[in-house]
N, C-alpha and C. Protein backbone atom coordinates (compact mmCIF):
# COMPACT_ATOMS: atom_id res chain seq x y z
N MET A 1 -28.70 21.01 5.45
CA MET A 1 -28.63 20.11 4.32
C MET A 1 -29.57 20.62 3.23
N SER A 2 -29.06 20.64 2.01
CA SER A 2 -29.86 21.14 0.90
C SER A 2 -30.96 20.15 0.52
N HIS A 3 -31.92 20.65 -0.23
CA HIS A 3 -32.99 19.78 -0.71
C HIS A 3 -32.41 18.66 -1.59
N PHE A 4 -31.41 19.00 -2.41
CA PHE A 4 -30.76 18.02 -3.26
C PHE A 4 -30.15 16.90 -2.41
N ASP A 5 -29.42 17.27 -1.36
CA ASP A 5 -28.81 16.28 -0.48
C ASP A 5 -29.87 15.39 0.18
N GLN A 6 -30.96 15.99 0.58
CA GLN A 6 -32.05 15.22 1.19
C GLN A 6 -32.62 14.22 0.20
N GLU A 7 -32.79 14.64 -1.03
CA GLU A 7 -33.33 13.75 -2.07
C GLU A 7 -32.35 12.61 -2.36
N ILE A 8 -31.07 12.91 -2.42
CA ILE A 8 -30.06 11.87 -2.67
C ILE A 8 -30.09 10.86 -1.53
N GLN A 9 -30.15 11.33 -0.29
CA GLN A 9 -30.22 10.42 0.85
C GLN A 9 -31.46 9.54 0.78
N LYS A 10 -32.58 10.14 0.43
CA LYS A 10 -33.83 9.39 0.33
C LYS A 10 -33.72 8.31 -0.76
N MET A 11 -33.18 8.69 -1.92
CA MET A 11 -33.03 7.74 -3.02
C MET A 11 -32.06 6.62 -2.65
N THR A 12 -30.99 6.97 -1.96
CA THR A 12 -30.01 5.96 -1.54
C THR A 12 -30.64 4.98 -0.56
N LYS A 13 -31.40 5.50 0.40
CA LYS A 13 -32.06 4.65 1.38
C LYS A 13 -33.05 3.70 0.70
N GLU A 14 -33.81 4.22 -0.24
CA GLU A 14 -34.77 3.38 -0.97
C GLU A 14 -34.05 2.31 -1.79
N ALA A 15 -32.93 2.68 -2.42
CA ALA A 15 -32.18 1.72 -3.23
C ALA A 15 -31.59 0.61 -2.38
N LEU A 16 -31.22 0.93 -1.15
CA LEU A 16 -30.59 -0.05 -0.26
C LEU A 16 -31.59 -0.87 0.56
N ALA A 17 -32.84 -0.47 0.50
CA ALA A 17 -33.85 -1.16 1.30
C ALA A 17 -33.86 -2.65 0.99
N ASN A 18 -33.88 -3.44 2.03
CA ASN A 18 -33.96 -4.90 1.93
C ASN A 18 -32.76 -5.56 1.27
N ILE A 19 -31.61 -4.87 1.25
CA ILE A 19 -30.39 -5.51 0.74
C ILE A 19 -29.55 -5.97 1.92
N GLN A 20 -29.17 -7.22 1.87
CA GLN A 20 -28.34 -7.83 2.91
C GLN A 20 -26.97 -8.12 2.28
N ILE A 21 -25.90 -7.85 3.04
CA ILE A 21 -24.55 -8.13 2.58
C ILE A 21 -23.99 -9.26 3.44
N LEU A 22 -23.52 -10.30 2.78
CA LEU A 22 -22.95 -11.45 3.48
C LEU A 22 -21.55 -11.70 2.93
N ALA A 23 -20.58 -11.85 3.82
CA ALA A 23 -19.22 -12.22 3.42
C ALA A 23 -18.90 -13.51 4.15
N TYR A 24 -18.40 -14.49 3.40
CA TYR A 24 -18.21 -15.82 3.98
C TYR A 24 -17.22 -16.63 3.16
N CYS A 25 -16.74 -17.70 3.77
CA CYS A 25 -15.90 -18.66 3.06
C CYS A 25 -16.80 -19.74 2.49
N GLN A 26 -16.84 -19.84 1.18
CA GLN A 26 -17.67 -20.85 0.55
C GLN A 26 -17.13 -22.25 0.83
N THR A 27 -15.83 -22.36 1.06
CA THR A 27 -15.19 -23.65 1.25
C THR A 27 -15.56 -24.28 2.59
N CYS A 28 -15.49 -23.50 3.67
CA CYS A 28 -15.73 -24.08 5.00
C CYS A 28 -16.95 -23.50 5.72
N GLY A 29 -17.53 -22.44 5.17
CA GLY A 29 -18.74 -21.88 5.75
C GLY A 29 -18.54 -20.80 6.80
N GLU A 30 -17.28 -20.45 7.11
CA GLU A 30 -17.07 -19.40 8.13
C GLU A 30 -17.66 -18.08 7.64
N ASN A 31 -18.38 -17.39 8.53
CA ASN A 31 -19.01 -16.12 8.21
C ASN A 31 -18.18 -14.97 8.74
N PHE A 32 -18.05 -13.93 7.92
CA PHE A 32 -17.29 -12.75 8.31
C PHE A 32 -18.18 -11.51 8.43
N LEU A 33 -19.31 -11.51 7.74
CA LEU A 33 -20.19 -10.34 7.76
C LEU A 33 -21.60 -10.77 7.35
N ASN A 34 -22.59 -10.23 8.05
CA ASN A 34 -23.99 -10.43 7.70
C ASN A 34 -24.71 -9.20 8.21
N ILE A 35 -24.98 -8.24 7.30
CA ILE A 35 -25.47 -6.94 7.72
C ILE A 35 -26.34 -6.31 6.63
N LYS A 36 -27.28 -5.48 7.04
CA LYS A 36 -28.07 -4.72 6.07
C LYS A 36 -27.17 -3.68 5.41
N ALA A 37 -27.39 -3.43 4.12
CA ALA A 37 -26.54 -2.51 3.37
C ALA A 37 -26.52 -1.12 3.98
N GLU A 38 -27.67 -0.62 4.40
CA GLU A 38 -27.67 0.74 4.97
C GLU A 38 -26.92 0.79 6.29
N ASP A 39 -26.96 -0.29 7.08
CA ASP A 39 -26.17 -0.34 8.31
C ASP A 39 -24.69 -0.42 7.99
N TYR A 40 -24.36 -1.16 6.95
CA TYR A 40 -22.96 -1.26 6.55
C TYR A 40 -22.41 0.11 6.19
N LEU A 41 -23.15 0.87 5.40
CA LEU A 41 -22.68 2.20 5.02
C LEU A 41 -22.51 3.11 6.24
N ALA A 42 -23.38 2.94 7.22
CA ALA A 42 -23.29 3.77 8.42
C ALA A 42 -22.10 3.38 9.30
N LEU A 43 -21.75 2.09 9.31
CA LEU A 43 -20.71 1.59 10.21
C LEU A 43 -19.33 1.46 9.58
N SER A 44 -19.28 1.30 8.28
CA SER A 44 -18.00 1.03 7.63
C SER A 44 -17.10 2.25 7.67
N SER A 45 -15.89 2.05 8.16
CA SER A 45 -14.92 3.16 8.19
C SER A 45 -14.16 3.26 6.88
N HIS A 46 -14.33 2.29 6.00
CA HIS A 46 -13.65 2.32 4.71
C HIS A 46 -13.96 3.61 3.97
N PHE A 47 -15.15 4.13 4.16
CA PHE A 47 -15.57 5.32 3.43
C PHE A 47 -15.09 6.60 4.11
N THR A 48 -14.60 6.50 5.34
CA THR A 48 -14.15 7.70 6.04
C THR A 48 -12.64 7.76 6.20
N ASP A 49 -12.01 6.65 6.58
CA ASP A 49 -10.55 6.70 6.78
C ASP A 49 -9.78 5.81 5.83
N ARG A 50 -10.46 5.21 4.88
CA ARG A 50 -9.83 4.41 3.81
C ARG A 50 -8.98 3.26 4.33
N THR A 51 -9.30 2.74 5.50
CA THR A 51 -8.63 1.53 5.98
C THR A 51 -9.64 0.41 6.00
N PRO A 52 -9.20 -0.80 5.82
CA PRO A 52 -10.13 -1.92 5.75
C PRO A 52 -10.92 -2.13 7.05
N ASP A 53 -12.13 -2.58 6.91
CA ASP A 53 -12.96 -2.93 8.07
C ASP A 53 -12.47 -4.24 8.67
N ARG A 54 -12.85 -4.46 9.92
CA ARG A 54 -12.42 -5.65 10.66
C ARG A 54 -12.80 -6.95 9.95
N TRP A 55 -14.02 -7.04 9.40
CA TRP A 55 -14.47 -8.26 8.75
C TRP A 55 -13.59 -8.58 7.54
N PHE A 56 -13.16 -7.54 6.81
CA PHE A 56 -12.34 -7.73 5.62
C PHE A 56 -10.97 -8.28 6.00
N ILE A 57 -10.42 -7.77 7.09
CA ILE A 57 -9.13 -8.25 7.58
C ILE A 57 -9.24 -9.70 8.02
N GLU A 58 -10.30 -10.03 8.77
CA GLU A 58 -10.47 -11.41 9.24
C GLU A 58 -10.65 -12.36 8.06
N ALA A 59 -11.37 -11.92 7.04
CA ALA A 59 -11.54 -12.75 5.84
C ALA A 59 -10.20 -12.94 5.13
N GLY A 60 -9.40 -11.88 5.08
CA GLY A 60 -8.08 -11.96 4.45
C GLY A 60 -7.15 -12.91 5.19
N ILE A 61 -7.16 -12.84 6.52
CA ILE A 61 -6.34 -13.75 7.32
C ILE A 61 -6.78 -15.19 7.08
N HIS A 62 -8.08 -15.41 7.06
CA HIS A 62 -8.61 -16.75 6.79
C HIS A 62 -8.10 -17.25 5.44
N TRP A 63 -8.14 -16.38 4.44
CA TRP A 63 -7.72 -16.76 3.09
C TRP A 63 -6.23 -17.10 3.03
N VAL A 64 -5.38 -16.28 3.67
CA VAL A 64 -3.94 -16.56 3.59
C VAL A 64 -3.56 -17.79 4.41
N GLU A 65 -4.35 -18.13 5.42
CA GLU A 65 -4.02 -19.27 6.27
C GLU A 65 -4.64 -20.59 5.80
N ASN A 66 -5.54 -20.53 4.84
CA ASN A 66 -6.24 -21.73 4.39
C ASN A 66 -6.18 -21.84 2.86
N ASP A 67 -5.22 -22.59 2.36
CA ASP A 67 -5.06 -22.74 0.92
C ASP A 67 -6.34 -23.25 0.26
N GLY A 68 -6.66 -22.64 -0.86
CA GLY A 68 -7.80 -23.09 -1.64
C GLY A 68 -9.15 -22.60 -1.16
N HIS A 69 -9.20 -21.81 -0.08
CA HIS A 69 -10.49 -21.33 0.41
C HIS A 69 -10.96 -20.15 -0.43
N LEU A 70 -12.26 -20.09 -0.66
CA LEU A 70 -12.88 -19.11 -1.54
C LEU A 70 -13.74 -18.17 -0.69
N ILE A 71 -13.38 -16.88 -0.69
CA ILE A 71 -14.11 -15.88 0.10
C ILE A 71 -15.04 -15.10 -0.83
N LEU A 72 -16.33 -15.14 -0.53
CA LEU A 72 -17.33 -14.48 -1.37
C LEU A 72 -18.09 -13.41 -0.58
N ILE A 73 -18.58 -12.42 -1.32
CA ILE A 73 -19.51 -11.44 -0.76
C ILE A 73 -20.77 -11.52 -1.61
N ASP A 74 -21.90 -11.76 -0.95
CA ASP A 74 -23.19 -11.79 -1.63
C ASP A 74 -23.99 -10.55 -1.26
N PHE A 75 -24.66 -10.01 -2.25
CA PHE A 75 -25.62 -8.94 -2.03
C PHE A 75 -26.98 -9.51 -2.40
N LYS A 76 -27.87 -9.54 -1.43
CA LYS A 76 -29.19 -10.14 -1.66
C LYS A 76 -30.28 -9.12 -1.33
N ARG A 77 -31.31 -9.13 -2.16
CA ARG A 77 -32.50 -8.30 -1.90
C ARG A 77 -33.65 -9.25 -1.68
N ASP A 78 -34.25 -9.13 -0.51
CA ASP A 78 -35.37 -10.00 -0.15
C ASP A 78 -35.02 -11.48 -0.35
N GLY A 79 -33.78 -11.85 -0.03
CA GLY A 79 -33.34 -13.24 -0.10
C GLY A 79 -32.85 -13.71 -1.45
N SER A 80 -33.02 -12.88 -2.49
CA SER A 80 -32.57 -13.26 -3.84
C SER A 80 -31.25 -12.59 -4.17
N MET A 81 -30.34 -13.35 -4.74
CA MET A 81 -29.02 -12.83 -5.10
C MET A 81 -29.15 -11.75 -6.15
N ILE A 82 -28.50 -10.60 -5.90
CA ILE A 82 -28.46 -9.56 -6.93
C ILE A 82 -27.04 -9.32 -7.42
N TYR A 83 -26.04 -9.72 -6.61
CA TYR A 83 -24.64 -9.56 -7.02
C TYR A 83 -23.77 -10.41 -6.12
N GLN A 84 -22.70 -10.95 -6.72
CA GLN A 84 -21.73 -11.72 -5.93
C GLN A 84 -20.33 -11.32 -6.38
N GLU A 85 -19.45 -11.16 -5.39
CA GLU A 85 -18.05 -10.81 -5.66
C GLU A 85 -17.15 -11.84 -4.99
N ASP A 86 -16.16 -12.31 -5.73
CA ASP A 86 -15.17 -13.24 -5.21
C ASP A 86 -13.96 -12.42 -4.76
N ILE A 87 -13.87 -12.11 -3.45
CA ILE A 87 -12.76 -11.27 -3.01
C ILE A 87 -11.45 -12.06 -2.93
N SER A 88 -11.53 -13.38 -2.82
CA SER A 88 -10.29 -14.14 -2.86
C SER A 88 -9.63 -13.99 -4.23
N LYS A 89 -10.43 -13.84 -5.28
CA LYS A 89 -9.88 -13.64 -6.62
C LYS A 89 -9.19 -12.27 -6.70
N ILE A 90 -9.75 -11.27 -6.03
CA ILE A 90 -9.12 -9.95 -6.00
C ILE A 90 -7.75 -10.04 -5.33
N TRP A 91 -7.69 -10.75 -4.19
CA TRP A 91 -6.41 -10.90 -3.50
C TRP A 91 -5.44 -11.72 -4.35
N GLU A 92 -5.95 -12.75 -5.01
CA GLU A 92 -5.10 -13.59 -5.86
C GLU A 92 -4.53 -12.77 -7.01
N ASN A 93 -5.35 -11.92 -7.61
CA ASN A 93 -4.88 -11.06 -8.70
C ASN A 93 -3.83 -10.07 -8.21
N LYS A 94 -4.01 -9.55 -7.00
CA LYS A 94 -3.02 -8.64 -6.42
C LYS A 94 -1.69 -9.36 -6.28
N LYS A 95 -1.76 -10.60 -5.82
CA LYS A 95 -0.55 -11.41 -5.70
C LYS A 95 0.18 -11.51 -7.04
N LEU A 96 -0.57 -11.79 -8.07
CA LEU A 96 0.02 -11.97 -9.40
C LEU A 96 0.56 -10.66 -9.95
N LEU A 97 -0.17 -9.56 -9.71
CA LEU A 97 0.24 -8.27 -10.27
C LEU A 97 1.50 -7.72 -9.63
N ASP A 98 1.61 -7.83 -8.31
CA ASP A 98 2.77 -7.21 -7.66
C ASP A 98 3.83 -8.24 -7.24
N GLY A 99 3.69 -9.47 -7.70
CA GLY A 99 4.68 -10.49 -7.40
C GLY A 99 4.69 -10.91 -5.94
N SER A 100 3.60 -10.69 -5.26
CA SER A 100 3.49 -11.01 -3.85
C SER A 100 3.17 -12.49 -3.66
N THR A 101 3.20 -12.91 -2.42
CA THR A 101 2.80 -14.26 -2.05
C THR A 101 1.91 -14.15 -0.83
N LYS A 102 1.23 -15.24 -0.49
CA LYS A 102 0.43 -15.22 0.73
C LYS A 102 1.31 -14.97 1.95
N ALA A 103 2.52 -15.50 1.92
CA ALA A 103 3.44 -15.30 3.06
C ALA A 103 3.81 -13.83 3.21
N ILE A 104 3.93 -13.11 2.12
CA ILE A 104 4.22 -11.68 2.17
C ILE A 104 2.98 -10.90 2.60
N MET A 105 1.81 -11.32 2.13
CA MET A 105 0.56 -10.61 2.44
C MET A 105 0.14 -10.80 3.90
N LYS A 106 0.44 -11.96 4.47
CA LYS A 106 -0.04 -12.30 5.81
C LYS A 106 0.33 -11.27 6.88
N PRO A 107 1.59 -10.81 6.97
CA PRO A 107 1.91 -9.81 8.01
C PRO A 107 1.15 -8.50 7.83
N HIS A 108 0.84 -8.17 6.58
CA HIS A 108 0.07 -6.95 6.34
C HIS A 108 -1.35 -7.08 6.89
N PHE A 109 -1.96 -8.25 6.68
CA PHE A 109 -3.28 -8.48 7.26
C PHE A 109 -3.23 -8.39 8.78
N TYR A 110 -2.19 -8.96 9.39
CA TYR A 110 -2.07 -8.92 10.85
C TYR A 110 -1.83 -7.50 11.35
N LYS A 111 -1.07 -6.71 10.60
CA LYS A 111 -0.86 -5.31 10.96
C LYS A 111 -2.20 -4.56 10.95
N TYR A 112 -2.97 -4.79 9.90
CA TYR A 112 -4.28 -4.15 9.81
C TYR A 112 -5.23 -4.65 10.90
N ARG A 113 -5.08 -5.91 11.30
CA ARG A 113 -5.93 -6.46 12.36
C ARG A 113 -5.78 -5.63 13.64
N GLU A 114 -4.56 -5.29 13.97
CA GLU A 114 -4.32 -4.46 15.16
C GLU A 114 -5.00 -3.10 15.03
N ARG A 115 -4.91 -2.51 13.86
CA ARG A 115 -5.52 -1.20 13.63
C ARG A 115 -7.05 -1.26 13.61
N SER A 116 -7.58 -2.41 13.27
CA SER A 116 -9.04 -2.51 13.08
C SER A 116 -9.80 -2.98 14.32
N LYS A 117 -9.11 -3.24 15.41
CA LYS A 117 -9.76 -3.77 16.59
C LYS A 117 -10.89 -2.88 17.12
N GLN A 118 -10.76 -1.59 16.94
CA GLN A 118 -11.78 -0.67 17.45
C GLN A 118 -12.92 -0.42 16.46
N LYS A 119 -12.81 -0.99 15.29
CA LYS A 119 -13.84 -0.76 14.27
C LYS A 119 -15.11 -1.56 14.59
N PRO A 120 -16.26 -0.97 14.29
CA PRO A 120 -17.52 -1.64 14.63
C PRO A 120 -17.81 -2.90 13.80
N ILE A 121 -17.28 -2.95 12.59
CA ILE A 121 -17.52 -4.13 11.74
C ILE A 121 -16.23 -4.59 11.10
């Protein structure tokens, strides 16, 4: 590994220090992910095989099966919010853009569920 690569890794580790990632349903409180950012990067297969992680699939199934539920991802540093993403809005926008429905999306989530069973997160 080059010196440059070592420095990038060091900077990335420092930037991710004390960041917690939480994915949950704001409507009912179900939790899908609660992990340190650096652990997430080490475990997530999204960055290696470009398929969704297990937590993302479970959150998607929850969303398609429960009308009106809001799925959020929080990024917190030392307990303070630094960023929040509404992934249910991303799925909702996908529905609108490609003319899909939750009924059409649901089998895709279930297909991915089978593929993601061996994934660590």
